[in-house]
């Protein structure tokens, strides 16, 4: 199945929920998860405006799809459709209904 930009954006709107479920802070800084960044001071945070989890130290940025891939040692490009399917099922997302999350 190919997903439209709108459907992908709908799934991406669940990042805050995913961050909270995985024990990450959504209202404070987190340590960077980029393995190439030795983070001694928390510098990663949730950006509500664009639904990303971004490090201000090294610049790495994740959406829910790339973060789920990172957390589960998956290849973002190769496993994209499977990740989408998993997230749609996990959050019971109805792609026919427009999201009302704020």
PDB file of N, CA and C in Angstrom:
ATOM      1  N   UNK A   1       0.839  -1.180   0.000  1.00  0.00           N
ATOM      2  CA  UNK A   1       0.000   0.000   0.000  1.00  0.00           C
ATOM      3  C   UNK A   1       0.886   1.246   0.000  1.00  0.00           C
ATOM      4  N   UNK A   2       0.534   2.190  -0.814  1.00  0.00           N
ATOM      5  CA  UNK A   2       1.197   3.486  -0.805  1.00  0.00           C
ATOM      6  C   UNK A   2       0.349   4.458   0.009  1.00  0.00           C
ATOM      7  N   UNK A   3       1.028   5.252   0.813  1.00  0.00           N
ATOM      8  CA  UNK A   3       0.337   6.197   1.684  1.00  0.00           C
ATOM      9  C   UNK A   3       0.454   7.610   1.125  1.00  0.00           C
ATOM     10  N   UNK A   4      -0.619   8.363   1.253  1.00  0.00           N
ATOM     11  CA  UNK A   4      -0.606   9.758   0.813  1.00  0.00           C
ATOM     12  C   UNK A   4       0.120  10.605   1.865  1.00  0.00           C
ATOM     13  N   UNK A   5       0.498  11.804   1.487  1.00  0.00           N
ATOM     14  CA  UNK A   5       1.133  12.726   2.422  1.00  0.00           C
ATOM     15  C   UNK A   5       0.205  12.988   3.603  1.00  0.00           C
ATOM     16  N   UNK A   6      -1.080  13.122   3.330  1.00  0.00           N
ATOM     17  CA  UNK A   6      -2.046  13.379   4.395  1.00  0.00           C
ATOM     18  C   UNK A   6      -2.117  12.208   5.376  1.00  0.00           C
ATOM     19  N   UNK A   7      -2.074  10.986   4.860  1.00  0.00           N
ATOM     20  CA  UNK A   7      -2.116   9.803   5.728  1.00  0.00           C
ATOM     21  C   UNK A   7      -0.832   9.706   6.563  1.00  0.00           C
ATOM     22  N   UNK A   8       0.297  10.002   5.952  1.00  0.00           N
ATOM     23  CA  UNK A   8       1.566   9.978   6.684  1.00  0.00           C
ATOM     24  C   UNK A   8       1.550  11.051   7.765  1.00  0.00           C
ATOM     25  N   UNK A   9       1.080  12.240   7.427  1.00  0.00           N
ATOM     26  CA  UNK A   9       0.988  13.318   8.410  1.00  0.00           C
ATOM     27  C   UNK A   9       0.049  12.950   9.559  1.00  0.00           C
ATOM     28  N   UNK A  10      -1.009  12.228   9.239  1.00  0.00           N
ATOM     29  CA  UNK A  10      -1.949  11.798  10.277  1.00  0.00           C
ATOM     30  C   UNK A  10      -1.242  10.872  11.267  1.00  0.00           C
ATOM     31  N   UNK A  11      -0.465   9.936  10.768  1.00  0.00           N
ATOM     32  CA  UNK A  11       0.294   9.037  11.644  1.00  0.00           C
ATOM     33  C   UNK A  11       1.326   9.837  12.435  1.00  0.00           C
ATOM     34  N   UNK A  12       1.997  10.772  11.784  1.00  0.00           N
ATOM     35  CA  UNK A  12       3.016  11.584  12.457  1.00  0.00           C
ATOM     36  C   UNK A  12       2.434  12.407  13.606  1.00  0.00           C
ATOM     37  N   UNK A  13       1.148  12.694  13.563  1.00  0.00           N
ATOM     38  CA  UNK A  13       0.524  13.497  14.613  1.00  0.00           C
ATOM     39  C   UNK A  13       0.485  12.758  15.959  1.00  0.00           C
ATOM     40  N   UNK A  14       0.839  11.485  15.983  1.00  0.00           N
ATOM     41  CA  UNK A  14       0.827  10.691  17.212  1.00  0.00           C
ATOM     42  C   UNK A  14       2.174  10.668  17.921  1.00  0.00           C
ATOM     43  N   UNK A  15       3.115  11.493  17.491  1.00  0.00           N
ATOM     44  CA  UNK A  15       4.452  11.488  18.100  1.00  0.00           C
ATOM     45  C   UNK A  15       4.403  11.770  19.594  1.00  0.00           C
ATOM     46  N   UNK A  16       3.635  12.747  20.023  1.00  0.00           N
ATOM     47  CA  UNK A  16       3.574  13.083  21.454  1.00  0.00           C
ATOM     48  C   UNK A  16       3.142  11.865  22.274  1.00  0.00           C
ATOM     49  N   UNK A  17       2.144  11.164  21.804  1.00  0.00           N
ATOM     50  CA  UNK A  17       1.662   9.965  22.495  1.00  0.00           C
ATOM     51  C   UNK A  17       2.776   8.921  22.566  1.00  0.00           C
ATOM     52  N   UNK A  18       3.461   8.715  21.445  1.00  0.00           N
ATOM     53  CA  UNK A  18       4.547   7.729  21.400  1.00  0.00           C
ATOM     54  C   UNK A  18       5.679   8.120  22.351  1.00  0.00           C
ATOM     55  N   UNK A  19       6.048   9.395  22.359  1.00  0.00           N
ATOM     56  CA  UNK A  19       7.111   9.848  23.260  1.00  0.00           C
ATOM     57  C   UNK A  19       6.745   9.563  24.705  1.00  0.00           C
ATOM     58  N   UNK A  20       5.520   9.884  25.082  1.00  0.00           N
ATOM     59  CA  UNK A  20       5.079   9.645  26.455  1.00  0.00           C
ATOM     60  C   UNK A  20       5.075   8.159  26.787  1.00  0.00           C
ATOM     61  N   UNK A  21       4.623   7.338  25.854  1.00  0.00           N
ATOM     62  CA  UNK A  21       4.605   5.880  26.074  1.00  0.00           C
ATOM     63  C   UNK A  21       6.004   5.302  26.250  1.00  0.00           C
ATOM     64  N   UNK A  22       6.979   5.912  25.601  1.00  0.00           N
ATOM     65  CA  UNK A  22       8.351   5.399  25.679  1.00  0.00           C
ATOM     66  C   UNK A  22       9.161   6.094  26.767  1.00  0.00           C
ATOM     67  N   UNK A  23       8.479   6.860  27.624  1.00  0.00           N
ATOM     68  CA  UNK A  23       9.141   7.460  28.775  1.00  0.00           C
ATOM     69  C   UNK A  23       9.928   8.719  28.480  1.00  0.00           C
ATOM     70  N   UNK A  24       9.700   9.305  27.339  1.00  0.00           N
ATOM     71  CA  UNK A  24      10.395  10.545  26.988  1.00  0.00           C
ATOM     72  C   UNK A  24       9.542  11.744  27.396  1.00  0.00           C
ATOM     73  N   UNK A  25      10.210  12.817  27.745  1.00  0.00           N
ATOM     74  CA  UNK A  25       9.519  14.020  28.184  1.00  0.00           C
ATOM     75  C   UNK A  25       9.021  14.801  26.973  1.00  0.00           C
ATOM     76  N   UNK A  26       7.827  15.376  27.109  1.00  0.00           N
ATOM     77  CA  UNK A  26       7.296  16.207  26.028  1.00  0.00           C
ATOM     78  C   UNK A  26       7.250  17.675  26.430  1.00  0.00           C
ATOM     79  N   UNK A  27       7.547  17.973  27.679  1.00  0.00           N
ATOM     80  CA  UNK A  27       7.532  19.364  28.159  1.00  0.00           C
ATOM     81  C   UNK A  27       8.875  19.776  28.758  1.00  0.00           C
ATOM     82  N   UNK A  28       9.896  18.956  28.555  1.00  0.00           N
ATOM     83  CA  UNK A  28      11.229  19.262  29.078  1.00  0.00           C
ATOM     84  C   UNK A  28      12.260  18.629  28.152  1.00  0.00           C
ATOM     85  N   UNK A  29      13.513  18.950  28.380  1.00  0.00           N
ATOM     86  CA  UNK A  29      14.585  18.419  27.538  1.00  0.00           C
ATOM     87  C   UNK A  29      14.913  16.976  27.900  1.00  0.00           C
ATOM     88  N   UNK A  30      15.329  16.229  26.889  1.00  0.00           N
ATOM     89  CA  UNK A  30      15.755  14.842  27.019  1.00  0.00           C
ATOM     90  C   UNK A  30      17.211  14.747  26.575  1.00  0.00           C
ATOM     91  N   UNK A  31      17.887  13.685  27.012  1.00  0.00           N
ATOM     92  CA  UNK A  31      19.221  13.437  26.478  1.00  0.00           C
ATOM     93  C   UNK A  31      19.069  13.008  25.025  1.00  0.00           C
ATOM     94  N   UNK A  32      20.011  13.424  24.208  1.00  0.00           N
ATOM     95  CA  UNK A  32      19.965  13.076  22.793  1.00  0.00           C
ATOM     96  C   UNK A  32      20.138  11.570  22.617  1.00  0.00           C
ATOM     97  N   UNK A  33      19.368  10.996  21.713  1.00  0.00           N
ATOM     98  CA  UNK A  33      19.449   9.556  21.468  1.00  0.00           C
ATOM     99  C   UNK A  33      20.358   9.216  20.291  1.00  0.00           C
ATOM    100  N   UNK A  34      20.863  10.225  19.594  1.00  0.00           N
ATOM    101  CA  UNK A  34      21.765   9.995  18.471  1.00  0.00           C
ATOM    102  C   UNK A  34      23.044   9.349  18.993  1.00  0.00           C
ATOM    103  N   UNK A  35      23.363   8.135  18.539  1.00  0.00           N
ATOM    104  CA  UNK A  35      24.554   7.449  19.050  1.00  0.00           C
ATOM    105  C   UNK A  35      25.858   8.175  18.721  1.00  0.00           C
ATOM    106  N   UNK A  36      25.823   9.074  17.767  1.00  0.00           N
ATOM    107  CA  UNK A  36      27.028   9.814  17.384  1.00  0.00           C
ATOM    108  C   UNK A  36      27.183  11.113  18.190  1.00  0.00           C
ATOM    109  N   UNK A  37      26.243  11.399  19.076  1.00  0.00           N
ATOM    110  CA  UNK A  37      26.291  12.617  19.877  1.00  0.00           C
ATOM    111  C   UNK A  37      26.448  12.241  21.338  1.00  0.00           C
ATOM    112  N   UNK A  38      27.599  12.555  21.895  1.00  0.00           N
ATOM    113  CA  UNK A  38      27.847  12.313  23.317  1.00  0.00           C
ATOM    114  C   UNK A  38      27.218  13.461  24.089  1.00  0.00           C
ATOM    115  N   UNK A  39      25.983  13.281  24.501  1.00  0.00           N
ATOM    116  CA  UNK A  39      25.191  14.338  25.120  1.00  0.00           C
ATOM    117  C   UNK A  39      25.376  14.333  26.629  1.00  0.00           C
ATOM    118  N   UNK A  40      26.076  15.337  27.148  1.00  0.00           N
ATOM    119  CA  UNK A  40      26.259  15.434  28.599  1.00  0.00           C
ATOM    120  C   UNK A  40      25.204  16.336  29.230  1.00  0.00           C
ATOM    121  N   UNK A  41      24.538  17.139  28.395  1.00  0.00           N
ATOM    122  CA  UNK A  41      23.473  18.017  28.861  1.00  0.00           C
ATOM    123  C   UNK A  41      22.249  17.776  27.993  1.00  0.00           C
ATOM    124  N   UNK A  42      21.101  17.457  28.571  1.00  0.00           N
ATOM    125  CA  UNK A  42      19.907  17.223  27.748  1.00  0.00           C
ATOM    126  C   UNK A  42      19.677  18.359  26.748  1.00  0.00           C
ATOM    127  N   UNK A  43      19.495  17.968  25.493  1.00  0.00           N
ATOM    128  CA  UNK A  43      19.358  18.972  24.442  1.00  0.00           C
ATOM    129  C   UNK A  43      18.328  18.576  23.389  1.00  0.00           C
ATOM    130  N   UNK A  44      17.529  17.567  23.675  1.00  0.00           N
ATOM    131  CA  UNK A  44      16.548  17.071  22.712  1.00  0.00           C
ATOM    132  C   UNK A  44      15.153  17.337  23.248  1.00  0.00           C
ATOM    133  N   UNK A  45      14.271  17.836  22.359  1.00  0.00           N
ATOM    134  CA  UNK A  45      12.920  18.122  22.831  1.00  0.00           C
ATOM    135  C   UNK A  45      11.878  17.882  21.741  1.00  0.00           C
ATOM    136  N   UNK A  46      10.647  17.817  22.195  1.00  0.00           N
ATOM    137  CA  UNK A  46       9.494  17.626  21.312  1.00  0.00           C
ATOM    138  C   UNK A  46       9.065  18.979  20.777  1.00  0.00           C
ATOM    139  N   UNK A  47       8.967  19.094  19.471  1.00  0.00           N
ATOM    140  CA  UNK A  47       8.489  20.316  18.827  1.00  0.00           C
ATOM    141  C   UNK A  47       7.053  20.074  18.384  1.00  0.00           C
ATOM    142  N   UNK A  48       6.109  20.677  19.073  1.00  0.00           N
ATOM    143  CA  UNK A  48       4.685  20.485  18.779  1.00  0.00           C
ATOM    144  C   UNK A  48       4.284  21.016  17.405  1.00  0.00           C
ATOM    145  N   UNK A  49       4.916  22.071  16.970  1.00  0.00           N
ATOM    146  CA  UNK A  49       4.523  22.704  15.705  1.00  0.00           C
ATOM    147  C   UNK A  49       4.727  21.790  14.497  1.00  0.00           C
ATOM    148  N   UNK A  50       5.848  21.070  14.485  1.00  0.00           N
ATOM    149  CA  UNK A  50       6.097  20.204  13.324  1.00  0.00           C
ATOM    150  C   UNK A  50       6.162  18.719  13.679  1.00  0.00           C
ATOM    151  N   UNK A  51       5.725  18.374  14.896  1.00  0.00           N
ATOM    152  CA  UNK A  51       5.706  16.977  15.343  1.00  0.00           C
ATOM    153  C   UNK A  51       7.042  16.280  15.110  1.00  0.00           C
ATOM    154  N   UNK A  52       8.095  16.872  15.686  1.00  0.00           N
ATOM    155  CA  UNK A  52       9.414  16.255  15.613  1.00  0.00           C
ATOM    156  C   UNK A  52      10.032  16.203  17.000  1.00  0.00           C
ATOM    157  N   UNK A  53      10.990  15.320  17.133  1.00  0.00           N
ATOM    158  CA  UNK A  53      11.787  15.151  18.344  1.00  0.00           C
ATOM    159  C   UNK A  53      13.197  15.523  17.920  1.00  0.00           C
ATOM    160  N   UNK A  54      13.642  16.721  18.295  1.00  0.00           N
ATOM    161  CA  UNK A  54      14.863  17.289  17.732  1.00  0.00           C
ATOM    162  C   UNK A  54      15.906  17.601  18.792  1.00  0.00           C
ATOM    163  N   UNK A  55      17.173  17.366  18.419  1.00  0.00           N
ATOM    164  CA  UNK A  55      18.295  17.720  19.272  1.00  0.00           C
ATOM    165  C   UNK A  55      18.854  19.059  18.801  1.00  0.00           C
ATOM    166  N   UNK A  56      18.955  19.987  19.734  1.00  0.00           N
ATOM    167  CA  UNK A  56      19.486  21.297  19.409  1.00  0.00           C
ATOM    168  C   UNK A  56      21.011  21.307  19.447  1.00  0.00           C
ATOM    169  N   UNK A  57      21.611  20.235  19.945  1.00  0.00           N
ATOM    170  CA  UNK A  57      23.066  20.138  19.983  1.00  0.00           C
ATOM    171  C   UNK A  57      23.651  19.645  18.671  1.00  0.00           C
ATOM    172  N   UNK A  58      23.124  18.513  18.174  1.00  0.00           N
ATOM    173  CA  UNK A  58      23.689  17.914  16.955  1.00  0.00           C
ATOM    174  C   UNK A  58      22.793  18.093  15.733  1.00  0.00           C
ATOM    175  N   UNK A  59      21.539  18.511  15.951  1.00  0.00           N
ATOM    176  CA  UNK A  59      20.634  18.778  14.836  1.00  0.00           C
ATOM    177  C   UNK A  59      19.817  17.598  14.351  1.00  0.00           C
ATOM    178  N   UNK A  60      20.009  16.415  14.921  1.00  0.00           N
ATOM    179  CA  UNK A  60      19.233  15.256  14.488  1.00  0.00           C
ATOM    180  C   UNK A  60      17.766  15.477  14.833  1.00  0.00           C
ATOM    181  N   UNK A  61      16.898  14.988  13.948  1.00  0.00           N
ATOM    182  CA  UNK A  61      15.465  15.175  14.141  1.00  0.00           C
ATOM    183  C   UNK A  61      14.729  13.908  13.734  1.00  0.00           C
ATOM    184  N   UNK A  62      13.751  13.524  14.543  1.00  0.00           N
ATOM    185  CA  UNK A  62      12.958  12.328  14.287  1.00  0.00           C
ATOM    186  C   UNK A  62      11.483  12.685  14.232  1.00  0.00           C
ATOM    187  N   UNK A  63      10.738  12.016  13.356  1.00  0.00           N
ATOM    188  CA  UNK A  63       9.284  12.019  13.443  1.00  0.00           C
ATOM    189  C   UNK A  63       8.920  10.672  14.052  1.00  0.00           C
ATOM    190  N   UNK A  64       7.651  10.379  14.226  1.00  0.00           N
ATOM    191  CA  UNK A  64       7.278   9.120  14.880  1.00  0.00           C
ATOM    192  C   UNK A  64       7.750   7.900  14.078  1.00  0.00           C
ATOM    193  N   UNK A  65       7.751   8.018  12.760  1.00  0.00           N
ATOM    194  CA  UNK A  65       8.126   6.880  11.922  1.00  0.00           C
ATOM    195  C   UNK A  65       9.615   6.585  12.052  1.00  0.00           C
ATOM    196  N   UNK A  66      10.429   7.620  11.941  1.00  0.00           N
ATOM    197  CA  UNK A  66      11.877   7.410  12.054  1.00  0.00           C
ATOM    198  C   UNK A  66      12.275   7.054  13.487  1.00  0.00           C
ATOM    199  N   UNK A  67      11.575   7.601  14.482  1.00  0.00           N
ATOM    200  CA  UNK A  67      11.879   7.268  15.875  1.00  0.00           C
ATOM    201  C   UNK A  67      11.499   5.822  16.182  1.00  0.00           C
ATOM    202  N   UNK A  68      10.350   5.389  15.684  1.00  0.00           N
ATOM    203  CA  UNK A  68       9.954   3.989  15.869  1.00  0.00           C
ATOM    204  C   UNK A  68      10.985   3.074  15.210  1.00  0.00           C
ATOM    205  N   UNK A  69      11.451   3.442  14.015  1.00  0.00           N
ATOM    206  CA  UNK A  69      12.481   2.650  13.334  1.00  0.00           C
ATOM    207  C   UNK A  69      13.744   2.603  14.189  1.00  0.00           C
ATOM    208  N   UNK A  70      14.170   3.742  14.706  1.00  0.00           N
ATOM    209  CA  UNK A  70      15.362   3.804  15.555  1.00  0.00           C
ATOM    210  C   UNK A  70      15.200   2.928  16.790  1.00  0.00           C
ATOM    211  N   UNK A  71      14.079   3.079  17.479  1.00  0.00           N
ATOM    212  CA  UNK A  71      13.839   2.337  18.718  1.00  0.00           C
ATOM    213  C   UNK A  71      13.804   0.829  18.507  1.00  0.00           C
ATOM    214  N   UNK A  72      13.423   0.408  17.314  1.00  0.00           N
ATOM    215  CA  UNK A  72      13.249  -1.028  17.047  1.00  0.00           C
ATOM    216  C   UNK A  72      14.274  -1.585  16.073  1.00  0.00           C
ATOM    217  N   UNK A  73      15.360  -0.850  15.876  1.00  0.00           N
ATOM    218  CA  UNK A  73      16.449  -1.285  14.994  1.00  0.00           C
ATOM    219  C   UNK A  73      15.953  -1.684  13.609  1.00  0.00           C
ATOM    220  N   UNK A  74      15.072  -0.856  13.046  1.00  0.00           N
ATOM    221  CA  UNK A  74      14.533  -1.096  11.713  1.00  0.00           C
ATOM    222  C   UNK A  74      15.132  -0.099  10.739  1.00  0.00           C
ATOM    223  N   UNK A  75      15.074  -0.443   9.475  1.00  0.00           N
ATOM    224  CA  UNK A  75      15.535   0.450   8.417  1.00  0.00           C
ATOM    225  C   UNK A  75      14.355   1.299   7.968  1.00  0.00           C
ATOM    226  N   UNK A  76      14.456   2.609   8.159  1.00  0.00           N
ATOM    227  CA  UNK A  76      13.349   3.526   7.851  1.00  0.00           C
ATOM    228  C   UNK A  76      12.811   3.332   6.443  1.00  0.00           C
ATOM    229  N   UNK A  77      13.691   3.318   5.459  1.00  0.00           N
ATOM    230  CA  UNK A  77      13.248   3.219   4.061  1.00  0.00           C
ATOM    231  C   UNK A  77      12.735   1.825   3.728  1.00  0.00           C
ATOM    232  N   UNK A  78      13.496   0.828   4.102  1.00  0.00           N
ATOM    233  CA  UNK A  78      13.119  -0.550   3.763  1.00  0.00           C
ATOM    234  C   UNK A  78      11.853  -0.995   4.495  1.00  0.00           C
ATOM    235  N   UNK A  79      11.706  -0.581   5.732  1.00  0.00           N
ATOM    236  CA  UNK A  79      10.598  -1.043   6.575  1.00  0.00           C
ATOM    237  C   UNK A  79       9.461  -0.027   6.707  1.00  0.00           C
ATOM    238  N   UNK A  80       9.492   1.042   5.899  1.00  0.00           N
ATOM    239  CA  UNK A  80       8.519   2.131   6.028  1.00  0.00           C
ATOM    240  C   UNK A  80       7.072   1.640   6.055  1.00  0.00           C
ATOM    241  N   UNK A  81       6.682   0.820   5.092  1.00  0.00           N
ATOM    242  CA  UNK A  81       5.287   0.361   5.018  1.00  0.00           C
ATOM    243  C   UNK A  81       4.901  -0.473   6.234  1.00  0.00           C
ATOM    244  N   UNK A  82       5.825  -1.311   6.698  1.00  0.00           N
ATOM    245  CA  UNK A  82       5.546  -2.123   7.883  1.00  0.00           C
ATOM    246  C   UNK A  82       5.432  -1.253   9.136  1.00  0.00           C
ATOM    247  N   UNK A  83       6.283  -0.243   9.226  1.00  0.00           N
ATOM    248  CA  UNK A  83       6.221   0.674  10.371  1.00  0.00           C
ATOM    249  C   UNK A  83       4.890   1.425  10.359  1.00  0.00           C
ATOM    250  N   UNK A  84       4.510   1.935   9.202  1.00  0.00           N
ATOM    251  CA  UNK A  84       3.219   2.629   9.085  1.00  0.00           C
ATOM    252  C   UNK A  84       2.077   1.719   9.517  1.00  0.00           C
ATOM    253  N   UNK A  85       2.081   0.502   9.011  1.00  0.00           N
ATOM    254  CA  UNK A  85       1.015  -0.450   9.351  1.00  0.00           C
ATOM    255  C   UNK A  85       0.988  -0.697  10.863  1.00  0.00           C
ATOM    256  N   UNK A  86       2.149  -0.873  11.456  1.00  0.00           N
ATOM    257  CA  UNK A  86       2.245  -1.111  12.896  1.00  0.00           C
ATOM    258  C   UNK A  86       1.693   0.069  13.686  1.00  0.00           C
ATOM    259  N   UNK A  87       2.084   1.282  13.309  1.00  0.00           N
ATOM    260  CA  UNK A  87       1.625   2.467  14.033  1.00  0.00           C
ATOM    261  C   UNK A  87       0.129   2.701  13.848  1.00  0.00           C
ATOM    262  N   UNK A  88      -0.371   2.462  12.652  1.00  0.00           N
ATOM    263  CA  UNK A  88      -1.811   2.602  12.389  1.00  0.00           C
ATOM    264  C   UNK A  88      -2.599   1.643  13.270  1.00  0.00           C
ATOM    265  N   UNK A  89      -2.123   0.407  13.378  1.00  0.00           N
ATOM    266  CA  UNK A  89      -2.796  -0.581  14.225  1.00  0.00           C
ATOM    267  C   UNK A  89      -2.629  -0.244  15.705  1.00  0.00           C
ATOM    268  N   UNK A  90      -1.423   0.143  16.108  1.00  0.00           N
ATOM    269  CA  UNK A  90      -1.133   0.446  17.518  1.00  0.00           C
ATOM    270  C   UNK A  90      -2.036   1.552  18.047  1.00  0.00           C
ATOM    271  N   UNK A  91      -2.243   2.588  17.245  1.00  0.00           N
ATOM    272  CA  UNK A  91      -3.039   3.725  17.689  1.00  0.00           C
ATOM    273  C   UNK A  91      -4.453   3.724  17.119  1.00  0.00           C
ATOM    274  N   UNK A  92      -4.821   2.618  16.470  1.00  0.00           N
ATOM    275  CA  UNK A  92      -6.168   2.471  15.933  1.00  0.00           C
ATOM    276  C   UNK A  92      -6.557   3.689  15.087  1.00  0.00           C
ATOM    277  N   UNK A  93      -5.666   4.058  14.182  1.00  0.00           N
ATOM    278  CA  UNK A  93      -5.859   5.243  13.352  1.00  0.00           C
ATOM    279  C   UNK A  93      -6.744   4.894  12.166  1.00  0.00           C
ATOM    280  N   UNK A  94      -7.817   5.635  12.023  1.00  0.00           N
ATOM    281  CA  UNK A  94      -8.709   5.483  10.889  1.00  0.00           C
ATOM    282  C   UNK A  94      -8.289   6.523   9.848  1.00  0.00           C
ATOM    283  N   UNK A  95      -7.625   6.080   8.795  1.00  0.00           N
ATOM    284  CA  UNK A  95      -7.116   7.008   7.792  1.00  0.00           C
ATOM    285  C   UNK A  95      -8.219   7.709   7.031  1.00  0.00           C
ATOM    286  N   UNK A  96      -9.440   7.245   7.159  1.00  0.00           N
ATOM    287  CA  UNK A  96     -10.574   7.898   6.500  1.00  0.00           C
ATOM    288  C   UNK A  96     -11.048   9.111   7.285  1.00  0.00           C
ATOM    289  N   UNK A  97     -10.703   9.157   8.581  1.00  0.00           N
ATOM    290  CA  UNK A  97     -11.149  10.235   9.444  1.00  0.00           C
ATOM    291  C   UNK A  97      -9.983  11.187   9.669  1.00  0.00           C
ATOM    292  N   UNK A  98     -10.257  12.478   9.523  1.00  0.00           N
ATOM    293  CA  UNK A  98      -9.215  13.487   9.742  1.00  0.00           C
ATOM    294  C   UNK A  98      -8.903  13.591  11.224  1.00  0.00           C
ATOM    295  N   UNK A  99      -7.620  13.715  11.589  1.00  0.00           N
ATOM    296  CA  UNK A  99      -7.245  13.760  13.016  1.00  0.00           C
ATOM    297  C   UNK A  99      -7.752  15.036  13.692  1.00  0.00           C
ATOM    298  N   UNK A 100      -8.023  14.901  14.986  1.00  0.00           N
ATOM    299  CA  UNK A 100      -8.459  16.053  15.787  1.00  0.00           C
ATOM    300  C   UNK A 100      -7.508  16.273  16.951  1.00  0.00           C
ATOM    301  N   UNK A 101      -6.324  15.670  16.892  1.00  0.00           N
ATOM    302  CA  UNK A 101      -5.339  15.841  17.977  1.00  0.00           C
ATOM    303  C   UNK A 101      -4.827  17.261  17.955  1.00  0.00           C
ATOM    304  N   UNK A 102      -4.515  17.784  19.135  1.00  0.00           N
ATOM    305  CA  UNK A 102      -3.957  19.141  19.178  1.00  0.00           C
ATOM    306  C   UNK A 102      -2.584  19.121  19.784  1.00  0.00           C
TER     307      UNK A 102
END
